Amino acid sequence: MAIRFVTGNDGKVREARDYLEGIESVEQLAYDYTEVQSDSLAEIATRGAREAFEHLGSDEPVLVDDAGLFVDALGGFPGPYSSYVEDTVGVERLWRLAADEENRRAQFRTVLAYADESGTETFEGSVAGTLVAPRGEGGFGYDPIFEYNGQTMAEMSTEEKNAISHRGRALAAFAEWYAGRDD
C-alpha cells in the first residue's frame, strides 16, 4: 500500500519520499480538493485530506499539506493566505509592508494531514526566522525575504534548505508516527 500525496508539486513529493524511504512508498496524486477559507492551516489540510480520501475511494491513505508565512508584526499575516498574497500583492510588497517594523520575526509553518479509513491525523513543522530585504537567486515564493541563521532561504542550496525546512520537520514527525503505528 502506498501513501498518495495530493499535490501538483513534484518537489514536495521528492521530499516526502526522502523522509518515508524504507517505511512506505509515496505516490503523487493530482486532485483539486476544495480549499476552505480558514485562519487554521490544520483545518484547511484536514478538510482537504478527508475530501480527497473519500472522493478517491480506495483503502490507500492520502497526505495533504498546507503552509504559510506568519509575520509577527503583521498579526500572523499572510498566514494561510500566503499563496494568494504572493500571487496578488507579491513578495517584495509584503517585504515593504514589514520593512519599517521593529519586530520582523516570522515563521514558515506547515501542517500535514494524513487521512485513512480510521480518520485524520495532523503533523506540524515550523522554522523561525526574520524578514529581510530580498536576496538570493534560489528557492521560490517568500524564500528571498526569509532569513535563517544569516542566510535567506533563496541563498541556501536545496540540501541546506531541506535540512531546516518547515515541511521537512512536519514530514519527520509524520514518518516517526507512521513507522510506529500498529497496522
Protein backbone atom coordinates (compact mmCIF):
# COMPACT_ATOMS: atom_id res chain seq x y z
CA MET A 1 0.00 0.00 0.00
CA ALA A 2 1.24 3.48 -0.86
CA ILE A 3 0.51 6.88 0.58
CA ARG A 4 -0.97 9.20 -2.02
CA PHE A 5 0.40 12.73 -1.63
CA VAL A 6 -2.22 15.07 -3.05
CA THR A 7 -0.17 17.83 -4.67
CA GLY A 8 0.91 19.15 -8.02
CA ASN A 9 4.35 19.98 -6.60
CA ASP A 10 6.99 17.38 -7.57
CA GLY A 11 9.43 18.85 -5.01
CA LYS A 12 7.05 18.12 -2.12
CA VAL A 13 6.72 14.53 -3.28
CA ARG A 14 10.51 14.08 -3.53
CA GLU A 15 10.91 15.45 -0.01
CA ALA A 16 8.18 13.11 1.31
CA ARG A 17 9.84 10.13 -0.37
CA ASP A 18 13.14 11.03 1.31
CA TYR A 19 11.53 11.08 4.75
CA LEU A 20 9.49 7.90 4.19
CA GLU A 21 12.17 5.85 2.45
CA GLY A 22 12.13 2.35 3.87
CA ILE A 23 8.80 2.97 5.63
CA GLU A 24 6.26 3.40 2.83
CA SER A 25 6.12 4.34 -0.84
CA VAL A 26 4.70 7.72 -1.82
CA GLU A 27 2.73 8.33 -5.00
CA GLN A 28 1.88 11.76 -6.32
CA LEU A 29 -1.79 12.35 -6.95
CA ALA A 30 -3.29 15.34 -8.67
CA TYR A 31 -6.71 16.04 -7.18
CA ASP A 32 -8.18 19.51 -6.82
CA TYR A 33 -9.80 19.33 -3.38
CA THR A 34 -11.84 22.24 -2.06
CA GLU A 35 -9.56 24.54 -0.08
CA VAL A 36 -11.69 26.02 2.68
CA GLN A 37 -11.04 29.59 3.78
CA SER A 38 -9.75 29.45 7.33
CA ASP A 39 -7.15 31.04 9.59
CA SER A 40 -6.09 27.49 10.55
CA LEU A 41 -3.61 25.52 8.44
CA ALA A 42 -4.74 22.37 10.28
CA GLU A 43 -8.37 22.89 9.33
CA ILE A 44 -7.50 23.52 5.68
CA ALA A 45 -5.23 20.46 5.42
CA THR A 46 -7.60 18.19 7.40
CA ARG A 47 -10.64 19.08 5.31
CA GLY A 48 -8.64 18.62 2.10
CA ALA A 49 -7.31 15.24 3.20
CA ARG A 50 -10.75 13.92 4.24
CA GLU A 51 -12.32 15.12 1.00
CA ALA A 52 -9.55 13.60 -1.11
CA PHE A 53 -9.65 10.27 0.73
CA GLU A 54 -13.43 9.97 0.49
CA HIS A 55 -13.63 11.15 -3.13
CA LEU A 56 -10.84 8.89 -4.37
CA GLY A 57 -12.45 5.88 -2.74
CA SER A 58 -9.81 3.30 -2.00
CA ASP A 59 -8.13 1.98 1.09
CA GLU A 60 -4.89 3.80 0.27
CA PRO A 61 -4.31 6.75 2.62
CA VAL A 62 -3.75 10.31 1.48
CA LEU A 63 -1.48 13.10 2.65
CA VAL A 64 -2.29 16.80 2.13
CA ASP A 65 -0.27 19.77 3.31
CA ASP A 66 -0.93 23.44 3.78
CA ALA A 67 1.73 26.00 4.58
CA GLY A 68 2.16 29.69 5.15
CA LEU A 69 4.42 32.54 6.22
CA PHE A 70 3.39 34.07 9.55
CA VAL A 71 4.81 37.55 10.27
CA ASP A 72 4.70 38.54 13.95
CA ALA A 73 4.38 42.31 13.44
CA LEU A 74 1.52 41.78 11.00
CA GLY A 75 -0.53 39.65 13.39
CA GLY A 76 0.44 36.45 11.59
CA PHE A 77 -0.44 37.79 8.14
CA PRO A 78 -0.33 36.44 5.49
CA GLY A 79 -0.51 33.00 7.22
CA PRO A 80 -2.83 30.56 5.42
CA TYR A 81 -3.39 33.19 2.72
CA SER A 82 0.31 33.26 1.76
CA SER A 83 -0.13 31.82 -1.72
CA TYR A 84 -2.92 34.25 -2.55
CA VAL A 85 -0.92 37.19 -1.17
CA GLU A 86 2.15 36.12 -3.16
CA ASP A 87 0.07 35.94 -6.36
CA THR A 88 -1.78 39.23 -5.84
CA VAL A 89 0.46 41.50 -3.77
CA GLY A 90 3.86 39.90 -4.38
CA VAL A 91 6.84 39.07 -2.22
CA GLU A 92 8.56 42.47 -2.50
CA ARG A 93 5.40 44.35 -1.50
CA LEU A 94 4.99 42.12 1.54
CA TRP A 95 8.61 42.93 2.42
CA ARG A 96 7.86 46.67 2.09
CA LEU A 97 4.89 46.23 4.41
CA ALA A 98 7.14 44.69 7.09
CA ALA A 99 10.35 46.64 6.41
CA ASP A 100 9.64 49.52 8.82
CA GLU A 101 8.58 47.24 11.65
CA GLU A 102 10.95 46.91 14.60
CA ASN A 103 9.98 43.25 15.03
CA ARG A 104 10.40 41.42 11.72
CA ARG A 105 10.32 37.90 13.18
CA ALA A 106 8.40 35.38 11.12
CA GLN A 107 7.78 31.66 10.81
CA PHE A 108 7.20 29.33 7.94
CA ARG A 109 4.67 26.71 9.10
CA THR A 110 3.37 23.52 7.52
CA VAL A 111 0.60 21.19 8.60
CA LEU A 112 0.42 17.74 7.03
CA ALA A 113 -2.90 15.92 7.25
CA TYR A 114 -2.98 12.14 6.86
CA ALA A 115 -6.35 10.54 6.16
CA ASP A 116 -7.28 6.87 6.03
CA GLU A 117 -10.32 4.74 6.89
CA SER A 118 -9.68 5.35 10.63
CA GLY A 119 -9.73 9.13 10.49
CA THR A 120 -7.30 12.02 10.14
CA GLU A 121 -4.08 12.90 11.95
CA THR A 122 -2.11 16.15 11.62
CA PHE A 123 1.60 16.89 11.94
CA GLU A 124 3.14 20.34 12.21
CA GLY A 125 6.52 21.77 11.38
CA SER A 126 7.87 25.30 11.59
CA VAL A 127 11.06 27.26 11.18
CA ALA A 128 11.58 30.69 12.74
CA GLY A 129 13.48 33.47 11.04
CA THR A 130 13.46 37.16 10.22
CA LEU A 131 12.19 39.09 7.22
CA VAL A 132 14.92 40.96 5.32
CA ALA A 133 15.28 42.81 2.02
CA PRO A 134 15.18 40.31 -0.88
CA ARG A 135 18.45 38.41 -1.51
CA GLY A 136 19.41 35.26 -3.34
CA GLU A 137 18.55 33.52 -6.56
CA GLY A 138 17.32 30.11 -5.38
CA GLY A 139 14.16 28.77 -3.84
CA PHE A 140 10.70 30.10 -4.56
CA GLY A 141 7.92 32.13 -3.00
CA TYR A 142 8.99 34.04 0.09
CA ASP A 143 12.47 32.46 0.23
CA PRO A 144 14.29 35.68 -0.82
CA ILE A 145 12.93 37.64 2.17
CA PHE A 146 13.11 34.91 4.86
CA GLU A 147 16.45 34.80 6.68
CA TYR A 148 17.54 31.90 8.88
CA ASN A 149 20.96 31.95 10.57
CA GLY A 150 22.26 34.79 8.41
CA GLN A 151 21.13 33.42 5.03
CA THR A 152 17.87 33.80 3.17
CA MET A 153 16.25 30.57 2.05
CA ALA A 154 16.94 31.78 -1.51
CA GLU A 155 20.69 31.86 -0.73
CA MET A 156 20.72 28.25 0.52
CA SER A 157 21.29 25.13 -1.50
CA THR A 158 18.34 22.75 -1.76
CA GLU A 159 20.07 20.43 0.72
CA GLU A 160 20.64 23.25 3.25
CA LYS A 161 17.05 24.43 2.92
CA ASN A 162 15.56 20.93 3.20
CA ALA A 163 17.65 20.24 6.32
CA ILE A 164 15.81 23.00 8.22
CA SER A 165 12.53 23.27 6.31
CA HIS A 166 9.13 23.51 7.96
CA ARG A 167 7.79 20.82 5.64
CA GLY A 168 10.74 18.57 6.47
CA ARG A 169 10.04 18.94 10.19
CA ALA A 170 6.37 18.04 9.66
CA LEU A 171 7.39 15.08 7.47
CA ALA A 172 9.85 13.88 10.14
CA ALA A 173 7.09 13.93 12.78
CA PHE A 174 4.74 12.11 10.41
CA ALA A 175 7.35 9.49 9.46
CA GLU A 176 8.06 8.77 13.13
CA TRP A 177 4.35 8.38 13.89
CA TYR A 178 3.67 6.31 10.77
CA ALA A 179 6.58 3.94 11.39
CA GLY A 180 5.47 3.35 14.97
CA ARG A 181 1.76 2.77 14.48
CA ASP A 182 0.14 -0.64 14.65
CA ASP A 183 -1.32 -1.93 11.41
